[in-house]
Structures are given as structure tokens and as C-alpha cells.
Amino acid sequence: MLLVVDVGNTQTHLGTFRDGVLHQHWRFATVRESTADELGAALRALLGLRGVTFDLLDASIVSSTVPELGPEWAAMAERYLGHKMPVVGPGLRTGMPIRIDNPREVGADRLVNAVAAHDRFGGPCVVVDFGTGINVDIVSRAGEYIGGLIAPGIEISMDALTARGAKLLRVELETPRALIGKSTVEAIRSGVLYGYAGMVDGILERLEGELGVATAIATGGLAGAVVPYCRRIDQVDDLLTLTGLRLIWERNR
């Protein structure tokens, strides 16, 4: 069984694959100060909820947007799983050429998503990751990672709005009753959901002018909230990053 771990700024998403098929997956809050021992304890507890034990894990791989946690996960694997856990980054084969000014700048999660999207849909394709930030990553027709765009994420924007607006409350991202809000809560809800959908559609429209027709794939924890209001997203895959991690592990066996 293969353990794959995607460490994001807000959440950590991990899963187990058996014979290339996702077996189980879990999410928990990312704590930047976590030690290898604490990660081991959290991992054992989560796996145990689904009847999975450490001795069933033959291999593992991690990508991390939090620099200090990649080494801690690797140390956890060596200490408790009895094997080395590769960390996605320079020196690990991805099978995808990186055509940007400084390839070392590419976030591990962005590259992993690009690998998975190209493997499934071919190129050109665009990944829109609704996470702490909105990451838009582009793969060319030739299967090259050619760059992307980054915007503040939905939760960051909502936190800023409520922090700066004394009378504005934090709202849940539920379906708006109408485009035009009849209350402050409804107005915020419509503004956030339709606003981010419009931003994503606008970016994809502009990219189409440069790339031609490209498959647009949405992923990330908040994709489900925004995608229903988007007009240019073709596919939603909440497990895209986990799949990309499996593919990269297979390319480094």
C-alpha cells in the first residue's frame, strides 16, 4: 500500500493507494509546528479509523507547501514506517519539463496537479486549485509546465473583508438565493461566489486566447463551492493532487 501526503497551508490531505487505486483518504488541519512524532501519532490515529495499520504501508511520498513540514514527514516515515519518504522537489523525476524562469520556484502542489491533469486529459490543460490561494497552472500541448497565476484564496479574502468591515460578519458559503442579495449575508455570499467564479472564467477566457481550447480542471477544498457558478470549468477532481503524487512516485521507483 502506498501512502501519499499533500501538505497544504491550511489542510493536509492524505490517501492510500493499492495497485494504483485510491483506497482511502483523509483531511486534517495543517499545524506548522508539528514534529515527526506528532505527525506519526496523528497518522496512526487517522489510519486506525479505517482499519489501516503502519505495517500495511510499503512506500510513501509527500509534497508540502510548508517548507518545514516536508522534512518532518520524511523523518516520521523513516522512524515509524521503516522506509524513506521522497519529498517532491528538485531531484525527483516528474516526467514533465518545467519551462519557467526558475524551475525551483514552482510549488510542489502546483507541479503535482499539473502532472496529474496532463496524465488524465493531455495538453493543453489548465488546473484551477481552490485552496488557501487560487492557483491556476498551465500545461502546454507538448506536455510542458509553462507557468500560471496566483490570486488570494476565498477564505483569505473573506477574513480580510470581515476584519476591515466593522459591521460585516463571516458567512457560510451556501447557495445564494439570487444574484442580488436582499440582506448583508446574502450580498456577501453572492459577491464571493459569483465574484470568484467571474474571476476564474475571465482568466480561462484570456488563456484560451493564448493556448487555444484547453481542458480546465478544478480541484481543492473549496472547488465545490465555486464551480457551480463557473461557466468554463470542464471537470472537477478533488483527488487530483493525490493522483499526481502516485504518478510521481511511480516515475521514481
C-alpha atoms as a PDB file:
ATOM      1  CA  MET A   1       0.000   0.000   0.000  1.00  0.00           C
ATOM      2  CA  LEU A   2       1.296   3.469  -0.957  1.00  0.00           C
ATOM      3  CA  LEU A   3       0.774   6.476   1.343  1.00  0.00           C
ATOM      4  CA  VAL A   4       0.579   9.876  -0.392  1.00  0.00           C
ATOM      5  CA  VAL A   5       0.593  13.120   1.604  1.00  0.00           C
ATOM      6  CA  ASP A   6      -0.294  16.594   0.302  1.00  0.00           C
ATOM      7  CA  VAL A   7       0.619  19.207   2.922  1.00  0.00           C
ATOM      8  CA  GLY A   8      -1.187  22.473   2.210  1.00  0.00           C
ATOM      9  CA  ASN A   9      -1.047  25.746   4.098  1.00  0.00           C
ATOM     10  CA  THR A  10      -4.482  25.166   5.624  1.00  0.00           C
ATOM     11  CA  GLN A  11      -5.172  21.444   5.340  1.00  0.00           C
ATOM     12  CA  THR A  12      -3.211  18.231   4.882  1.00  0.00           C
ATOM     13  CA  HIS A  13      -4.814  15.704   2.530  1.00  0.00           C
ATOM     14  CA  LEU A  14      -3.503  12.168   2.560  1.00  0.00           C
ATOM     15  CA  GLY A  15      -4.541   8.919   0.974  1.00  0.00           C
ATOM     16  CA  THR A  16      -3.578   5.303   0.461  1.00  0.00           C
ATOM     17  CA  PHE A  17      -3.336   3.543  -2.905  1.00  0.00           C
ATOM     18  CA  ARG A  18      -3.410  -0.185  -3.527  1.00  0.00           C
ATOM     19  CA  ASP A  19      -2.475  -1.408  -7.033  1.00  0.00           C
ATOM     20  CA  GLY A  20      -2.873   2.123  -8.380  1.00  0.00           C
ATOM     21  CA  VAL A  21      -6.390   2.571  -6.990  1.00  0.00           C
ATOM     22  CA  LEU A  22      -7.214   5.006  -4.197  1.00  0.00           C
ATOM     23  CA  HIS A  23      -8.176   3.018  -1.129  1.00  0.00           C
ATOM     24  CA  GLN A  24      -8.960   5.692   1.497  1.00  0.00           C
ATOM     25  CA  HIS A  25      -8.273   9.392   2.035  1.00  0.00           C
ATOM     26  CA  TRP A  26      -8.378  11.811   4.953  1.00  0.00           C
ATOM     27  CA  ARG A  27      -8.050  15.558   5.648  1.00  0.00           C
ATOM     28  CA  PHE A  28      -6.838  17.302   8.793  1.00  0.00           C
ATOM     29  CA  ALA A  29      -5.683  20.789   9.735  1.00  0.00           C
ATOM     30  CA  THR A  30      -2.058  21.620   8.962  1.00  0.00           C
ATOM     31  CA  VAL A  31      -0.089  22.641  12.049  1.00  0.00           C
ATOM     32  CA  ARG A  32       3.215  24.185  11.025  1.00  0.00           C
ATOM     33  CA  GLU A  33       4.920  23.377  14.340  1.00  0.00           C
ATOM     34  CA  SER A  34       4.183  19.636  14.143  1.00  0.00           C
ATOM     35  CA  THR A  35       7.114  17.333  14.882  1.00  0.00           C
ATOM     36  CA  ALA A  36       7.789  13.946  13.295  1.00  0.00           C
ATOM     37  CA  ASP A  37       6.474  12.247  16.427  1.00  0.00           C
ATOM     38  CA  GLU A  38       3.261  14.268  16.428  1.00  0.00           C
ATOM     39  CA  LEU A  39       2.713  13.530  12.741  1.00  0.00           C
ATOM     40  CA  GLY A  40       3.242   9.837  13.427  1.00  0.00           C
ATOM     41  CA  ALA A  41       0.665   9.881  16.203  1.00  0.00           C
ATOM     42  CA  ALA A  42      -1.877  11.763  14.061  1.00  0.00           C
ATOM     43  CA  LEU A  43      -1.278   9.442  11.118  1.00  0.00           C
ATOM     44  CA  ARG A  44      -1.688   6.300  13.234  1.00  0.00           C
ATOM     45  CA  ALA A  45      -4.986   7.606  14.645  1.00  0.00           C
ATOM     46  CA  LEU A  46      -6.421   8.542  11.242  1.00  0.00           C
ATOM     47  CA  LEU A  47      -5.401   5.286   9.591  1.00  0.00           C
ATOM     48  CA  GLY A  48      -6.833   3.350  12.516  1.00  0.00           C
ATOM     49  CA  LEU A  49     -10.274   4.865  11.911  1.00  0.00           C
ATOM     50  CA  ARG A  50     -10.368   2.898   8.631  1.00  0.00           C
ATOM     51  CA  GLY A  51      -8.585  -0.218   9.869  1.00  0.00           C
ATOM     52  CA  VAL A  52      -5.223   0.590   8.260  1.00  0.00           C
ATOM     53  CA  THR A  53      -2.021  -0.057  10.246  1.00  0.00           C
ATOM     54  CA  PHE A  54       1.550   1.091   9.687  1.00  0.00           C
ATOM     55  CA  ASP A  55       2.736  -2.380   8.674  1.00  0.00           C
ATOM     56  CA  LEU A  56       0.469  -2.209   5.594  1.00  0.00           C
ATOM     57  CA  LEU A  57       2.301   0.851   4.229  1.00  0.00           C
ATOM     58  CA  ASP A  58       5.083  -0.299   1.896  1.00  0.00           C
ATOM     59  CA  ALA A  59       6.020   3.123   0.485  1.00  0.00           C
ATOM     60  CA  SER A  60       5.141   6.795   0.734  1.00  0.00           C
ATOM     61  CA  ILE A  61       5.646  10.224  -0.860  1.00  0.00           C
ATOM     62  CA  VAL A  62       4.924  13.787   0.287  1.00  0.00           C
ATOM     63  CA  SER A  63       4.551  17.219  -1.281  1.00  0.00           C
ATOM     64  CA  SER A  64       4.498  20.235   1.003  1.00  0.00           C
ATOM     65  CA  THR A  65       3.817  23.931   0.549  1.00  0.00           C
ATOM     66  CA  VAL A  66       5.041  24.396   4.142  1.00  0.00           C
ATOM     67  CA  PRO A  67       8.856  24.090   3.889  1.00  0.00           C
ATOM     68  CA  GLU A  68       9.447  22.991   7.484  1.00  0.00           C
ATOM     69  CA  LEU A  69       6.955  20.115   7.318  1.00  0.00           C
ATOM     70  CA  GLY A  70       8.428  18.199   4.372  1.00  0.00           C
ATOM     71  CA  PRO A  71      11.480  17.079   6.396  1.00  0.00           C
ATOM     72  CA  GLU A  72       9.286  16.264   9.403  1.00  0.00           C
ATOM     73  CA  TRP A  73       7.114  13.938   7.319  1.00  0.00           C
ATOM     74  CA  ALA A  74      10.223  12.306   5.868  1.00  0.00           C
ATOM     75  CA  ALA A  75      11.629  11.811   9.382  1.00  0.00           C
ATOM     76  CA  MET A  76       8.299  10.368  10.543  1.00  0.00           C
ATOM     77  CA  ALA A  77       8.334   7.800   7.717  1.00  0.00           C
ATOM     78  CA  GLU A  78      11.874   6.686   8.448  1.00  0.00           C
ATOM     79  CA  ARG A  79      11.165   6.402  12.177  1.00  0.00           C
ATOM     80  CA  TYR A  80       7.720   4.776  12.169  1.00  0.00           C
ATOM     81  CA  LEU A  81       7.173   3.302   8.697  1.00  0.00           C
ATOM     82  CA  GLY A  82      10.677   1.956   8.208  1.00  0.00           C
ATOM     83  CA  HIS A  83      11.315   3.434   4.774  1.00  0.00           C
ATOM     84  CA  LYS A  84      12.423   6.669   3.118  1.00  0.00           C
ATOM     85  CA  MET A  85       9.661   9.058   2.041  1.00  0.00           C
ATOM     86  CA  PRO A  86      10.574  11.084  -1.073  1.00  0.00           C
ATOM     87  CA  VAL A  87       9.720  14.799  -0.882  1.00  0.00           C
ATOM     88  CA  VAL A  88       8.520  16.335  -4.164  1.00  0.00           C
ATOM     89  CA  GLY A  89      11.069  18.902  -5.265  1.00  0.00           C
ATOM     90  CA  PRO A  90      14.345  19.289  -7.163  1.00  0.00           C
ATOM     91  CA  GLY A  91      15.963  15.931  -7.882  1.00  0.00           C
ATOM     92  CA  LEU A  92      12.708  13.982  -8.106  1.00  0.00           C
ATOM     93  CA  ARG A  93      11.591  12.918 -11.590  1.00  0.00           C
ATOM     94  CA  THR A  94       8.167  14.167 -12.625  1.00  0.00           C
ATOM     95  CA  GLY A  95       8.222  13.392 -16.341  1.00  0.00           C
ATOM     96  CA  MET A  96       7.192  16.990 -17.073  1.00  0.00           C
ATOM     97  CA  PRO A  97       9.608  19.662 -18.414  1.00  0.00           C
ATOM     98  CA  ILE A  98       9.321  22.961 -16.492  1.00  0.00           C
ATOM     99  CA  ARG A  99       9.507  25.977 -18.801  1.00  0.00           C
ATOM    100  CA  ILE A 100       9.621  28.933 -16.425  1.00  0.00           C
ATOM    101  CA  ASP A 101      12.389  31.353 -15.410  1.00  0.00           C
ATOM    102  CA  ASN A 102      13.375  29.471 -12.258  1.00  0.00           C
ATOM    103  CA  PRO A 103      12.009  25.891 -12.118  1.00  0.00           C
ATOM    104  CA  ARG A 104      12.896  25.667  -8.400  1.00  0.00           C
ATOM    105  CA  GLU A 105      10.201  28.262  -7.646  1.00  0.00           C
ATOM    106  CA  VAL A 106       7.311  26.026  -8.679  1.00  0.00           C
ATOM    107  CA  GLY A 107       5.245  24.977  -5.676  1.00  0.00           C
ATOM    108  CA  ALA A 108       5.238  21.215  -5.216  1.00  0.00           C
ATOM    109  CA  ASP A 109       1.430  21.058  -5.176  1.00  0.00           C
ATOM    110  CA  ARG A 110       1.207  23.028  -8.418  1.00  0.00           C
ATOM    111  CA  LEU A 111       3.575  20.713 -10.226  1.00  0.00           C
ATOM    112  CA  VAL A 112       1.878  17.599  -8.850  1.00  0.00           C
ATOM    113  CA  ASN A 113      -1.512  18.877 -10.050  1.00  0.00           C
ATOM    114  CA  ALA A 114      -0.101  19.618 -13.495  1.00  0.00           C
ATOM    115  CA  VAL A 115       1.344  16.104 -13.786  1.00  0.00           C
ATOM    116  CA  ALA A 116      -1.978  14.500 -12.839  1.00  0.00           C
ATOM    117  CA  ALA A 117      -4.043  16.731 -15.142  1.00  0.00           C
ATOM    118  CA  HIS A 118      -1.822  16.074 -18.145  1.00  0.00           C
ATOM    119  CA  ASP A 119      -1.817  12.339 -17.482  1.00  0.00           C
ATOM    120  CA  ARG A 120      -5.618  12.290 -17.480  1.00  0.00           C
ATOM    121  CA  PHE A 121      -6.531  14.880 -20.114  1.00  0.00           C
ATOM    122  CA  GLY A 122      -3.414  15.547 -22.170  1.00  0.00           C
ATOM    123  CA  GLY A 123      -2.449  19.059 -23.196  1.00  0.00           C
ATOM    124  CA  PRO A 124      -3.113  21.842 -23.301  1.00  0.00           C
ATOM    125  CA  CYS A 125      -4.850  21.856 -19.944  1.00  0.00           C
ATOM    126  CA  VAL A 126      -5.374  24.277 -17.062  1.00  0.00           C
ATOM    127  CA  VAL A 127      -5.683  23.380 -13.375  1.00  0.00           C
ATOM    128  CA  VAL A 128      -7.561  25.738 -11.050  1.00  0.00           C
ATOM    129  CA  ASP A 129      -6.822  24.853  -7.427  1.00  0.00           C
ATOM    130  CA  PHE A 130      -9.216  26.446  -4.915  1.00  0.00           C
ATOM    131  CA  GLY A 131      -7.122  26.340  -1.753  1.00  0.00           C
ATOM    132  CA  THR A 132      -5.505  28.901   0.522  1.00  0.00           C
ATOM    133  CA  GLY A 133      -4.739  30.718  -2.710  1.00  0.00           C
ATOM    134  CA  ILE A 134      -6.307  30.320  -6.137  1.00  0.00           C
ATOM    135  CA  ASN A 135      -3.584  28.642  -8.183  1.00  0.00           C
ATOM    136  CA  VAL A 136      -4.014  28.477 -11.949  1.00  0.00           C
ATOM    137  CA  ASP A 137      -1.419  26.239 -13.607  1.00  0.00           C
ATOM    138  CA  ILE A 138      -0.966  25.640 -17.310  1.00  0.00           C
ATOM    139  CA  VAL A 139       0.371  22.662 -19.242  1.00  0.00           C
ATOM    140  CA  SER A 140       1.165  23.162 -22.927  1.00  0.00           C
ATOM    141  CA  ARG A 141       0.099  20.974 -25.818  1.00  0.00           C
ATOM    142  CA  ALA A 142       3.590  19.439 -25.674  1.00  0.00           C
ATOM    143  CA  GLY A 143       3.124  18.443 -22.025  1.00  0.00           C
ATOM    144  CA  GLU A 144       5.319  21.175 -20.522  1.00  0.00           C
ATOM    145  CA  TYR A 145       4.582  23.153 -17.373  1.00  0.00           C
ATOM    146  CA  ILE A 146       4.688  26.737 -18.665  1.00  0.00           C
ATOM    147  CA  GLY A 147       3.621  28.783 -15.640  1.00  0.00           C
ATOM    148  CA  GLY A 148       0.463  30.080 -14.059  1.00  0.00           C
ATOM    149  CA  LEU A 149      -1.338  32.680 -11.992  1.00  0.00           C
ATOM    150  CA  ILE A 150      -1.878  33.044  -8.230  1.00  0.00           C
ATOM    151  CA  ALA A 151      -4.627  35.044  -6.524  1.00  0.00           C
ATOM    152  CA  PRO A 152      -5.705  35.331  -2.868  1.00  0.00           C
ATOM    153  CA  GLY A 153      -7.989  32.470  -1.851  1.00  0.00           C
ATOM    154  CA  ILE A 154     -11.624  32.762  -0.865  1.00  0.00           C
ATOM    155  CA  GLU A 155     -11.069  32.343   2.866  1.00  0.00           C
ATOM    156  CA  ILE A 156      -8.233  34.895   2.868  1.00  0.00           C
ATOM    157  CA  SER A 157     -10.487  37.429   1.136  1.00  0.00           C
ATOM    158  CA  MET A 158     -13.399  36.773   3.488  1.00  0.00           C
ATOM    159  CA  ASP A 159     -11.147  37.107   6.531  1.00  0.00           C
ATOM    160  CA  ALA A 160      -9.869  40.452   5.230  1.00  0.00           C
ATOM    161  CA  LEU A 161     -13.392  41.658   4.455  1.00  0.00           C
ATOM    162  CA  THR A 162     -14.761  40.898   7.913  1.00  0.00           C
ATOM    163  CA  ALA A 163     -11.614  42.179   9.651  1.00  0.00           C
ATOM    164  CA  ARG A 164     -11.777  45.544   7.882  1.00  0.00           C
ATOM    165  CA  GLY A 165     -15.574  45.914   7.829  1.00  0.00           C
ATOM    166  CA  ALA A 166     -16.811  46.536  11.357  1.00  0.00           C
ATOM    167  CA  LYS A 167     -20.426  45.628  10.527  1.00  0.00           C
ATOM    168  CA  LEU A 168     -19.667  42.677   8.261  1.00  0.00           C
ATOM    169  CA  LEU A 169     -19.971  39.151   9.602  1.00  0.00           C
ATOM    170  CA  ARG A 170     -18.270  35.956   8.425  1.00  0.00           C
ATOM    171  CA  VAL A 171     -20.793  33.917   6.416  1.00  0.00           C
ATOM    172  CA  GLU A 172     -21.006  30.305   5.302  1.00  0.00           C
ATOM    173  CA  LEU A 173     -20.568  29.702   1.579  1.00  0.00           C
ATOM    174  CA  GLU A 174     -24.046  28.373   0.939  1.00  0.00           C
ATOM    175  CA  THR A 175     -26.014  28.674  -2.293  1.00  0.00           C
ATOM    176  CA  PRO A 176     -27.215  32.279  -2.750  1.00  0.00           C
ATOM    177  CA  ARG A 177     -30.977  32.702  -3.134  1.00  0.00           C
ATOM    178  CA  ALA A 178     -30.371  35.126  -6.013  1.00  0.00           C
ATOM    179  CA  LEU A 179     -27.612  37.109  -7.650  1.00  0.00           C
ATOM    180  CA  ILE A 180     -28.828  40.282  -5.943  1.00  0.00           C
ATOM    181  CA  GLY A 181     -28.596  39.841  -2.180  1.00  0.00           C
ATOM    182  CA  LYS A 182     -31.537  41.061  -0.108  1.00  0.00           C
ATOM    183  CA  SER A 183     -29.521  41.086   3.131  1.00  0.00           C
ATOM    184  CA  THR A 184     -25.909  41.718   4.102  1.00  0.00           C
ATOM    185  CA  VAL A 185     -25.258  38.000   4.484  1.00  0.00           C
ATOM    186  CA  GLU A 186     -26.771  37.229   1.070  1.00  0.00           C
ATOM    187  CA  ALA A 187     -24.869  40.119  -0.513  1.00  0.00           C
ATOM    188  CA  ILE A 188     -21.535  38.809   0.798  1.00  0.00           C
ATOM    189  CA  ARG A 189     -22.375  35.266  -0.257  1.00  0.00           C
ATOM    190  CA  SER A 190     -23.289  36.357  -3.790  1.00  0.00           C
ATOM    191  CA  GLY A 191     -20.308  38.669  -4.050  1.00  0.00           C
ATOM    192  CA  VAL A 192     -17.818  35.995  -3.038  1.00  0.00           C
ATOM    193  CA  LEU A 193     -19.208  33.093  -5.064  1.00  0.00           C
ATOM    194  CA  TYR A 194     -20.164  34.961  -8.235  1.00  0.00           C
ATOM    195  CA  GLY A 195     -17.102  37.186  -7.896  1.00  0.00           C
ATOM    196  CA  TYR A 196     -14.605  34.317  -7.752  1.00  0.00           C
ATOM    197  CA  ALA A 197     -16.469  32.427 -10.475  1.00  0.00           C
ATOM    198  CA  GLY A 198     -16.260  35.514 -12.682  1.00  0.00           C
ATOM    199  CA  MET A 199     -12.548  35.887 -11.966  1.00  0.00           C
ATOM    200  CA  VAL A 200     -11.849  32.259 -12.870  1.00  0.00           C
ATOM    201  CA  ASP A 201     -13.961  32.456 -16.034  1.00  0.00           C
ATOM    202  CA  GLY A 202     -12.195  35.666 -17.041  1.00  0.00           C
ATOM    203  CA  ILE A 203      -8.759  34.107 -16.597  1.00  0.00           C
ATOM    204  CA  LEU A 204      -9.748  30.990 -18.539  1.00  0.00           C
ATOM    205  CA  GLU A 205     -11.171  33.110 -21.358  1.00  0.00           C
ATOM    206  CA  ARG A 206      -7.922  35.040 -21.656  1.00  0.00           C
ATOM    207  CA  LEU A 207      -5.890  31.834 -21.547  1.00  0.00           C
ATOM    208  CA  GLU A 208      -7.957  30.414 -24.374  1.00  0.00           C
ATOM    209  CA  GLY A 209      -6.762  33.336 -26.488  1.00  0.00           C
ATOM    210  CA  GLU A 210      -3.160  32.237 -25.906  1.00  0.00           C
ATOM    211  CA  LEU A 211      -3.480  28.440 -25.753  1.00  0.00           C
ATOM    212  CA  GLY A 212      -6.484  27.703 -27.902  1.00  0.00           C
ATOM    213  CA  VAL A 213      -9.108  25.364 -26.470  1.00  0.00           C
ATOM    214  CA  ALA A 214      -7.760  23.748 -23.278  1.00  0.00           C
ATOM    215  CA  THR A 215      -9.375  21.425 -20.749  1.00  0.00           C
ATOM    216  CA  ALA A 216      -9.989  23.252 -17.451  1.00  0.00           C
ATOM    217  CA  ILE A 217      -9.879  21.123 -14.296  1.00  0.00           C
ATOM    218  CA  ALA A 218     -10.876  22.378 -10.842  1.00  0.00           C
ATOM    219  CA  THR A 219      -9.573  20.908  -7.604  1.00  0.00           C
ATOM    220  CA  GLY A 220      -9.045  21.946  -3.988  1.00  0.00           C
ATOM    221  CA  GLY A 221     -11.157  22.110  -0.868  1.00  0.00           C
ATOM    222  CA  LEU A 222     -13.371  25.000  -1.994  1.00  0.00           C
ATOM    223  CA  ALA A 223     -13.849  23.965  -5.625  1.00  0.00           C
ATOM    224  CA  GLY A 224     -17.272  22.519  -4.846  1.00  0.00           C
ATOM    225  CA  ALA A 225     -18.491  25.884  -3.555  1.00  0.00           C
ATOM    226  CA  VAL A 226     -17.440  27.969  -6.581  1.00  0.00           C
ATOM    227  CA  VAL A 227     -17.512  25.685  -9.623  1.00  0.00           C
ATOM    228  CA  PRO A 228     -21.349  25.588  -9.876  1.00  0.00           C
ATOM    229  CA  TYR A 229     -21.166  29.313 -10.750  1.00  0.00           C
ATOM    230  CA  CYS A 230     -18.325  28.962 -13.277  1.00  0.00           C
ATOM    231  CA  ARG A 231     -19.017  28.620 -16.995  1.00  0.00           C
ATOM    232  CA  ARG A 232     -15.613  27.475 -18.216  1.00  0.00           C
ATOM    233  CA  ILE A 233     -14.629  24.641 -15.864  1.00  0.00           C
ATOM    234  CA  ASP A 234     -14.813  21.296 -17.669  1.00  0.00           C
ATOM    235  CA  GLN A 235     -14.021  18.834 -14.879  1.00  0.00           C
ATOM    236  CA  VAL A 236     -13.821  18.744 -11.078  1.00  0.00           C
ATOM    237  CA  ASP A 237     -11.373  16.361  -9.410  1.00  0.00           C
ATOM    238  CA  ASP A 238     -10.933  16.763  -5.666  1.00  0.00           C
ATOM    239  CA  LEU A 239      -8.369  13.935  -5.667  1.00  0.00           C
ATOM    240  CA  LEU A 240      -6.134  15.368  -8.396  1.00  0.00           C
ATOM    241  CA  THR A 241      -3.152  16.068  -6.116  1.00  0.00           C
ATOM    242  CA  LEU A 242      -3.228  12.607  -4.563  1.00  0.00           C
ATOM    243  CA  THR A 243      -3.269  11.063  -8.038  1.00  0.00           C
ATOM    244  CA  GLY A 244      -0.333  13.228  -9.094  1.00  0.00           C
ATOM    245  CA  LEU A 245       1.665  12.088  -6.085  1.00  0.00           C
ATOM    246  CA  ARG A 246       1.040   8.464  -7.016  1.00  0.00           C
ATOM    247  CA  LEU A 247       2.197   9.123 -10.582  1.00  0.00           C
ATOM    248  CA  ILE A 248       5.405  10.841  -9.446  1.00  0.00           C
ATOM    249  CA  TRP A 249       6.162   8.030  -7.008  1.00  0.00           C
ATOM    250  CA  GLU A 250       5.738   5.502  -9.827  1.00  0.00           C
ATOM    251  CA  ARG A 251       8.135   7.513 -12.023  1.00  0.00           C
ATOM    252  CA  ASN A 252      10.800   7.340  -9.323  1.00  0.00           C
ATOM    253  CA  ARG A 253      10.600   3.645  -8.417  1.00  0.00           C
END
